[in-house]
Amino acid sequence: MGKVKVENIRVYAHHGCLKEETAIGSEYRVDISVDADLTKASVSDQLSDTVDYVHINHIVKEEMKIPSKLLEHVGHRIITRIFNEISVVEAAQVWVSKINPPIGGDVEKVTIVLEEKRIA
């Protein structure tokens, strides 16, 4: 097994429970780590045998465009698409962070973390 990480994907999106959050939007950071058997790719040197991180970045950017009330919902959608579109992935972890959340204090970010394994 191996890991492929795509870190610090920065996007501007419109998630949140408050009307202002969905209207104005905010900055977000998404980090992804996936577990996959990378043995074949390490020998073949072929993109088709590994996890294409360009594809992961594309999934994240598309899913972040769809407004959600909860970051958990966005994270679950990202993981679901990764499993549906990248067959070599066995497990996925996603961190979705809202930068400067409107919570009445000086807070750098809030982050949700989801981890799921492919159901056999």
N, C-alpha and C. Protein backbone atom coordinates (compact mmCIF):
# COMPACT_ATOMS: atom_id res chain seq x y z
N MET A 1 0.83 -1.19 0.00
CA MET A 1 0.00 0.00 0.00
C MET A 1 0.88 1.25 0.00
N GLY A 2 0.32 2.31 -0.52
CA GLY A 2 1.00 3.59 -0.52
C GLY A 2 -0.02 4.69 -0.31
N LYS A 3 0.46 5.91 -0.27
CA LYS A 3 -0.40 7.08 -0.10
C LYS A 3 -0.09 8.10 -1.19
N VAL A 4 -1.12 8.78 -1.62
CA VAL A 4 -0.97 9.95 -2.48
C VAL A 4 -1.68 11.08 -1.76
N LYS A 5 -0.97 12.19 -1.57
CA LYS A 5 -1.54 13.34 -0.89
C LYS A 5 -1.58 14.53 -1.84
N VAL A 6 -2.69 15.24 -1.79
CA VAL A 6 -2.82 16.51 -2.50
C VAL A 6 -3.17 17.52 -1.41
N GLU A 7 -2.26 18.44 -1.16
CA GLU A 7 -2.41 19.31 0.00
C GLU A 7 -2.55 20.78 -0.38
N ASN A 8 -3.31 21.46 0.45
CA ASN A 8 -3.50 22.91 0.35
C ASN A 8 -4.13 23.34 -0.97
N ILE A 9 -5.20 22.65 -1.34
CA ILE A 9 -5.99 23.07 -2.50
C ILE A 9 -6.82 24.27 -2.02
N ARG A 10 -6.57 25.41 -2.60
CA ARG A 10 -7.26 26.62 -2.16
C ARG A 10 -8.38 26.98 -3.14
N VAL A 11 -9.56 27.21 -2.57
CA VAL A 11 -10.73 27.57 -3.39
C VAL A 11 -11.56 28.63 -2.68
N TYR A 12 -12.30 29.36 -3.46
CA TYR A 12 -13.28 30.30 -2.92
C TYR A 12 -14.63 29.66 -3.17
N ALA A 13 -15.44 29.52 -2.11
CA ALA A 13 -16.72 28.81 -2.25
C ALA A 13 -17.78 29.46 -1.37
N HIS A 14 -18.99 28.94 -1.47
CA HIS A 14 -20.16 29.53 -0.80
C HIS A 14 -20.87 28.52 0.08
N HIS A 15 -20.19 28.04 1.12
CA HIS A 15 -20.77 27.08 2.05
C HIS A 15 -21.10 27.76 3.36
N GLY A 16 -22.09 27.24 4.06
CA GLY A 16 -22.41 27.74 5.39
C GLY A 16 -23.90 27.73 5.66
N CYS A 17 -24.23 27.87 6.93
CA CYS A 17 -25.62 27.90 7.36
C CYS A 17 -26.21 29.30 7.34
N LEU A 18 -25.35 30.31 7.38
CA LEU A 18 -25.82 31.69 7.37
C LEU A 18 -26.01 32.17 5.94
N LYS A 19 -27.05 32.96 5.74
CA LYS A 19 -27.36 33.50 4.41
C LYS A 19 -26.17 34.28 3.84
N GLU A 20 -25.49 35.04 4.72
CA GLU A 20 -24.35 35.85 4.29
C GLU A 20 -23.21 34.97 3.77
N GLU A 21 -23.00 33.80 4.41
CA GLU A 21 -21.92 32.91 4.00
C GLU A 21 -22.14 32.39 2.57
N THR A 22 -23.38 32.04 2.27
CA THR A 22 -23.65 31.51 0.94
C THR A 22 -23.69 32.62 -0.11
N ALA A 23 -24.03 33.83 0.31
CA ALA A 23 -24.07 34.95 -0.64
C ALA A 23 -22.68 35.50 -0.92
N ILE A 24 -21.92 35.76 0.14
CA ILE A 24 -20.61 36.40 0.00
C ILE A 24 -19.51 35.39 -0.34
N GLY A 25 -19.55 34.23 0.30
CA GLY A 25 -18.52 33.23 0.10
C GLY A 25 -17.34 33.43 1.02
N SER A 26 -16.41 32.50 0.94
CA SER A 26 -15.26 32.51 1.83
C SER A 26 -14.14 31.69 1.20
N GLU A 27 -12.96 31.82 1.80
CA GLU A 27 -11.82 31.02 1.36
C GLU A 27 -11.81 29.68 2.08
N TYR A 28 -11.42 28.64 1.36
CA TYR A 28 -11.35 27.29 1.91
C TYR A 28 -10.03 26.65 1.52
N ARG A 29 -9.65 25.69 2.33
CA ARG A 29 -8.48 24.86 2.03
C ARG A 29 -8.94 23.41 2.14
N VAL A 30 -8.55 22.60 1.15
CA VAL A 30 -8.87 21.18 1.16
C VAL A 30 -7.58 20.38 1.02
N ASP A 31 -7.46 19.36 1.86
CA ASP A 31 -6.32 18.44 1.80
C ASP A 31 -6.88 17.03 1.63
N ILE A 32 -6.24 16.26 0.78
CA ILE A 32 -6.69 14.89 0.49
C ILE A 32 -5.52 13.94 0.67
N SER A 33 -5.81 12.78 1.25
CA SER A 33 -4.84 11.69 1.31
C SER A 33 -5.59 10.42 0.94
N VAL A 34 -5.07 9.69 -0.03
CA VAL A 34 -5.71 8.43 -0.42
C VAL A 34 -4.71 7.28 -0.29
N ASP A 35 -5.24 6.13 0.08
CA ASP A 35 -4.44 4.91 0.18
C ASP A 35 -4.75 4.05 -1.03
N ALA A 36 -3.69 3.54 -1.64
CA ALA A 36 -3.84 2.70 -2.84
C ALA A 36 -2.63 1.80 -2.96
N ASP A 37 -2.81 0.71 -3.67
CA ASP A 37 -1.68 -0.16 -3.97
C ASP A 37 -0.92 0.48 -5.13
N LEU A 38 0.25 0.98 -4.83
CA LEU A 38 1.06 1.69 -5.83
C LEU A 38 2.18 0.81 -6.40
N THR A 39 2.12 -0.48 -6.10
CA THR A 39 3.17 -1.40 -6.55
C THR A 39 3.29 -1.42 -8.06
N LYS A 40 2.18 -1.61 -8.74
CA LYS A 40 2.20 -1.69 -10.21
C LYS A 40 2.76 -0.41 -10.83
N ALA A 41 2.31 0.74 -10.32
CA ALA A 41 2.78 2.02 -10.85
C ALA A 41 4.28 2.22 -10.62
N SER A 42 4.77 1.73 -9.49
CA SER A 42 6.19 1.91 -9.19
C SER A 42 7.08 1.13 -10.15
N VAL A 43 6.51 0.10 -10.78
CA VAL A 43 7.27 -0.70 -11.75
C VAL A 43 6.99 -0.24 -13.18
N SER A 44 5.70 0.02 -13.48
CA SER A 44 5.32 0.32 -14.87
C SER A 44 5.65 1.74 -15.31
N ASP A 45 5.66 2.69 -14.36
CA ASP A 45 5.87 4.09 -14.67
C ASP A 45 4.75 4.65 -15.56
N GLN A 46 3.53 4.11 -15.38
CA GLN A 46 2.38 4.53 -16.18
C GLN A 46 1.34 5.23 -15.31
N LEU A 47 0.87 6.38 -15.76
CA LEU A 47 -0.15 7.14 -15.03
C LEU A 47 -1.41 6.32 -14.81
N SER A 48 -1.75 5.46 -15.75
CA SER A 48 -2.97 4.66 -15.64
C SER A 48 -2.92 3.65 -14.50
N ASP A 49 -1.74 3.41 -13.93
CA ASP A 49 -1.59 2.45 -12.83
C ASP A 49 -1.55 3.10 -11.45
N THR A 50 -1.76 4.40 -11.39
CA THR A 50 -1.66 5.09 -10.11
C THR A 50 -2.85 6.00 -9.88
N VAL A 51 -2.77 6.81 -8.86
CA VAL A 51 -3.79 7.81 -8.55
C VAL A 51 -3.37 9.12 -9.22
N ASP A 52 -4.19 9.59 -10.13
CA ASP A 52 -3.90 10.84 -10.84
C ASP A 52 -4.29 12.02 -9.95
N TYR A 53 -3.31 12.72 -9.41
CA TYR A 53 -3.61 13.83 -8.50
C TYR A 53 -4.25 15.01 -9.22
N VAL A 54 -4.09 15.10 -10.52
CA VAL A 54 -4.79 16.13 -11.28
C VAL A 54 -6.30 15.85 -11.23
N HIS A 55 -6.65 14.58 -11.31
CA HIS A 55 -8.06 14.17 -11.23
C HIS A 55 -8.62 14.50 -9.84
N ILE A 56 -7.85 14.24 -8.79
CA ILE A 56 -8.31 14.56 -7.44
C ILE A 56 -8.54 16.06 -7.31
N ASN A 57 -7.62 16.86 -7.78
CA ASN A 57 -7.78 18.32 -7.73
C ASN A 57 -9.05 18.75 -8.47
N HIS A 58 -9.31 18.16 -9.60
CA HIS A 58 -10.50 18.47 -10.40
C HIS A 58 -11.78 18.14 -9.61
N ILE A 59 -11.81 16.97 -8.98
CA ILE A 59 -12.98 16.57 -8.18
C ILE A 59 -13.22 17.58 -7.06
N VAL A 60 -12.16 17.94 -6.35
CA VAL A 60 -12.30 18.89 -5.24
C VAL A 60 -12.85 20.21 -5.74
N LYS A 61 -12.30 20.75 -6.80
CA LYS A 61 -12.75 22.05 -7.30
C LYS A 61 -14.21 22.00 -7.75
N GLU A 62 -14.61 20.92 -8.40
CA GLU A 62 -16.01 20.80 -8.84
C GLU A 62 -16.96 20.70 -7.66
N GLU A 63 -16.63 19.87 -6.68
CA GLU A 63 -17.52 19.69 -5.53
C GLU A 63 -17.58 20.93 -4.65
N MET A 64 -16.50 21.67 -4.56
CA MET A 64 -16.50 22.89 -3.75
C MET A 64 -17.36 23.99 -4.39
N LYS A 65 -17.66 23.88 -5.69
CA LYS A 65 -18.53 24.85 -6.35
C LYS A 65 -19.99 24.69 -5.96
N ILE A 66 -20.35 23.52 -5.44
CA ILE A 66 -21.75 23.22 -5.08
C ILE A 66 -21.97 23.63 -3.62
N PRO A 67 -22.78 24.67 -3.37
CA PRO A 67 -22.97 25.14 -2.00
C PRO A 67 -23.59 24.07 -1.09
N SER A 68 -23.08 23.99 0.12
CA SER A 68 -23.61 23.11 1.16
C SER A 68 -23.66 23.89 2.47
N LYS A 69 -24.55 23.48 3.34
CA LYS A 69 -24.61 24.10 4.66
C LYS A 69 -23.42 23.65 5.50
N LEU A 70 -23.08 22.37 5.39
CA LEU A 70 -22.05 21.79 6.25
C LEU A 70 -20.83 21.34 5.47
N LEU A 71 -19.66 21.57 6.05
CA LEU A 71 -18.42 21.11 5.44
C LEU A 71 -18.37 19.58 5.40
N GLU A 72 -19.02 18.93 6.35
CA GLU A 72 -19.08 17.47 6.36
C GLU A 72 -19.75 16.94 5.09
N HIS A 73 -20.76 17.64 4.63
CA HIS A 73 -21.47 17.23 3.41
C HIS A 73 -20.56 17.35 2.19
N VAL A 74 -19.82 18.44 2.12
CA VAL A 74 -18.88 18.64 1.01
C VAL A 74 -17.80 17.55 1.03
N GLY A 75 -17.24 17.30 2.21
CA GLY A 75 -16.20 16.28 2.35
C GLY A 75 -16.67 14.91 1.93
N HIS A 76 -17.89 14.56 2.32
CA HIS A 76 -18.45 13.25 1.93
C HIS A 76 -18.63 13.15 0.42
N ARG A 77 -19.10 14.22 -0.20
CA ARG A 77 -19.26 14.22 -1.66
C ARG A 77 -17.92 14.02 -2.35
N ILE A 78 -16.87 14.66 -1.85
CA ILE A 78 -15.54 14.54 -2.44
C ILE A 78 -15.07 13.09 -2.35
N ILE A 79 -15.19 12.48 -1.18
CA ILE A 79 -14.76 11.09 -1.01
C ILE A 79 -15.57 10.15 -1.90
N THR A 80 -16.87 10.36 -1.97
CA THR A 80 -17.73 9.51 -2.81
C THR A 80 -17.28 9.56 -4.26
N ARG A 81 -17.00 10.74 -4.76
CA ARG A 81 -16.54 10.86 -6.16
C ARG A 81 -15.18 10.21 -6.36
N ILE A 82 -14.29 10.35 -5.40
CA ILE A 82 -12.98 9.71 -5.52
C ILE A 82 -13.16 8.20 -5.65
N PHE A 83 -13.99 7.60 -4.81
CA PHE A 83 -14.24 6.15 -4.91
C PHE A 83 -14.91 5.78 -6.23
N ASN A 84 -15.84 6.60 -6.69
CA ASN A 84 -16.57 6.30 -7.93
C ASN A 84 -15.70 6.45 -9.18
N GLU A 85 -14.71 7.34 -9.13
CA GLU A 85 -13.96 7.67 -10.34
C GLU A 85 -12.52 7.16 -10.37
N ILE A 86 -11.98 6.77 -9.22
CA ILE A 86 -10.58 6.31 -9.18
C ILE A 86 -10.56 4.94 -8.51
N SER A 87 -10.60 3.90 -9.33
CA SER A 87 -10.81 2.54 -8.82
C SER A 87 -9.68 2.01 -7.95
N VAL A 88 -8.48 2.50 -8.09
CA VAL A 88 -7.34 1.99 -7.34
C VAL A 88 -7.36 2.47 -5.87
N VAL A 89 -8.15 3.48 -5.55
CA VAL A 89 -8.20 4.03 -4.19
C VAL A 89 -8.95 3.08 -3.27
N GLU A 90 -8.31 2.72 -2.15
CA GLU A 90 -8.90 1.82 -1.15
C GLU A 90 -9.45 2.58 0.06
N ALA A 91 -8.85 3.70 0.39
CA ALA A 91 -9.31 4.53 1.51
C ALA A 91 -8.99 5.98 1.19
N ALA A 92 -9.78 6.88 1.76
CA ALA A 92 -9.56 8.30 1.51
C ALA A 92 -9.80 9.10 2.78
N GLN A 93 -9.00 10.11 2.94
CA GLN A 93 -9.16 11.06 4.03
C GLN A 93 -9.26 12.45 3.40
N VAL A 94 -10.17 13.26 3.94
CA VAL A 94 -10.32 14.63 3.43
C VAL A 94 -10.41 15.58 4.62
N TRP A 95 -9.69 16.68 4.51
CA TRP A 95 -9.75 17.77 5.46
C TRP A 95 -10.31 18.97 4.70
N VAL A 96 -11.42 19.51 5.18
CA VAL A 96 -11.99 20.72 4.57
C VAL A 96 -11.95 21.81 5.63
N SER A 97 -11.25 22.91 5.32
CA SER A 97 -11.07 24.00 6.27
C SER A 97 -11.69 25.29 5.74
N LYS A 98 -12.44 25.96 6.60
CA LYS A 98 -12.95 27.30 6.28
C LYS A 98 -11.99 28.29 6.93
N ILE A 99 -11.43 29.17 6.10
CA ILE A 99 -10.47 30.16 6.56
C ILE A 99 -11.24 31.37 7.13
N ASN A 100 -10.80 31.87 8.27
CA ASN A 100 -11.44 33.02 8.93
C ASN A 100 -12.96 32.85 9.06
N PRO A 101 -13.41 31.81 9.76
CA PRO A 101 -14.85 31.58 9.87
C PRO A 101 -15.54 32.68 10.69
N PRO A 102 -16.80 32.98 10.35
CA PRO A 102 -17.52 34.05 11.06
C PRO A 102 -18.11 33.53 12.38
N ILE A 103 -17.24 33.32 13.38
CA ILE A 103 -17.73 32.75 14.64
C ILE A 103 -17.49 33.70 15.82
N GLY A 104 -17.28 34.97 15.54
CA GLY A 104 -17.17 35.95 16.61
C GLY A 104 -15.87 35.89 17.39
N GLY A 105 -14.80 35.59 16.71
CA GLY A 105 -13.50 35.55 17.38
C GLY A 105 -12.39 35.54 16.36
N ASP A 106 -11.17 35.64 16.86
CA ASP A 106 -10.00 35.62 15.98
C ASP A 106 -9.57 34.17 15.79
N VAL A 107 -10.16 33.52 14.79
CA VAL A 107 -9.91 32.10 14.53
C VAL A 107 -9.37 31.96 13.11
N GLU A 108 -8.23 31.31 12.99
CA GLU A 108 -7.61 31.14 11.68
C GLU A 108 -8.47 30.29 10.75
N LYS A 109 -8.93 29.15 11.26
CA LYS A 109 -9.73 28.25 10.42
C LYS A 109 -10.44 27.22 11.29
N VAL A 110 -11.49 26.66 10.73
CA VAL A 110 -12.14 25.48 11.31
C VAL A 110 -12.02 24.37 10.28
N THR A 111 -11.82 23.15 10.75
CA THR A 111 -11.56 22.04 9.85
C THR A 111 -12.40 20.83 10.24
N ILE A 112 -12.97 20.18 9.24
CA ILE A 112 -13.59 18.87 9.47
C ILE A 112 -12.68 17.84 8.80
N VAL A 113 -12.65 16.65 9.38
CA VAL A 113 -11.84 15.57 8.83
C VAL A 113 -12.75 14.35 8.68
N LEU A 114 -12.78 13.79 7.49
CA LEU A 114 -13.53 12.57 7.23
C LEU A 114 -12.59 11.52 6.67
N GLU A 115 -12.82 10.28 7.07
CA GLU A 115 -12.03 9.16 6.56
C GLU A 115 -12.98 8.02 6.26
N GLU A 116 -12.85 7.47 5.05
CA GLU A 116 -13.71 6.36 4.66
C GLU A 116 -12.87 5.32 3.92
N LYS A 117 -13.32 4.07 4.04
CA LYS A 117 -12.71 2.97 3.31
C LYS A 117 -13.69 2.48 2.27
N ARG A 118 -13.15 2.01 1.17
CA ARG A 118 -13.99 1.48 0.10
C ARG A 118 -14.72 0.25 0.63
N ILE A 119 -16.00 0.17 0.37
CA ILE A 119 -16.79 -0.98 0.77
C ILE A 119 -16.59 -2.07 -0.28
N ALA A 120 -16.19 -3.23 0.18
CA ALA A 120 -15.88 -4.34 -0.74
C ALA A 120 -17.10 -4.86 -1.46
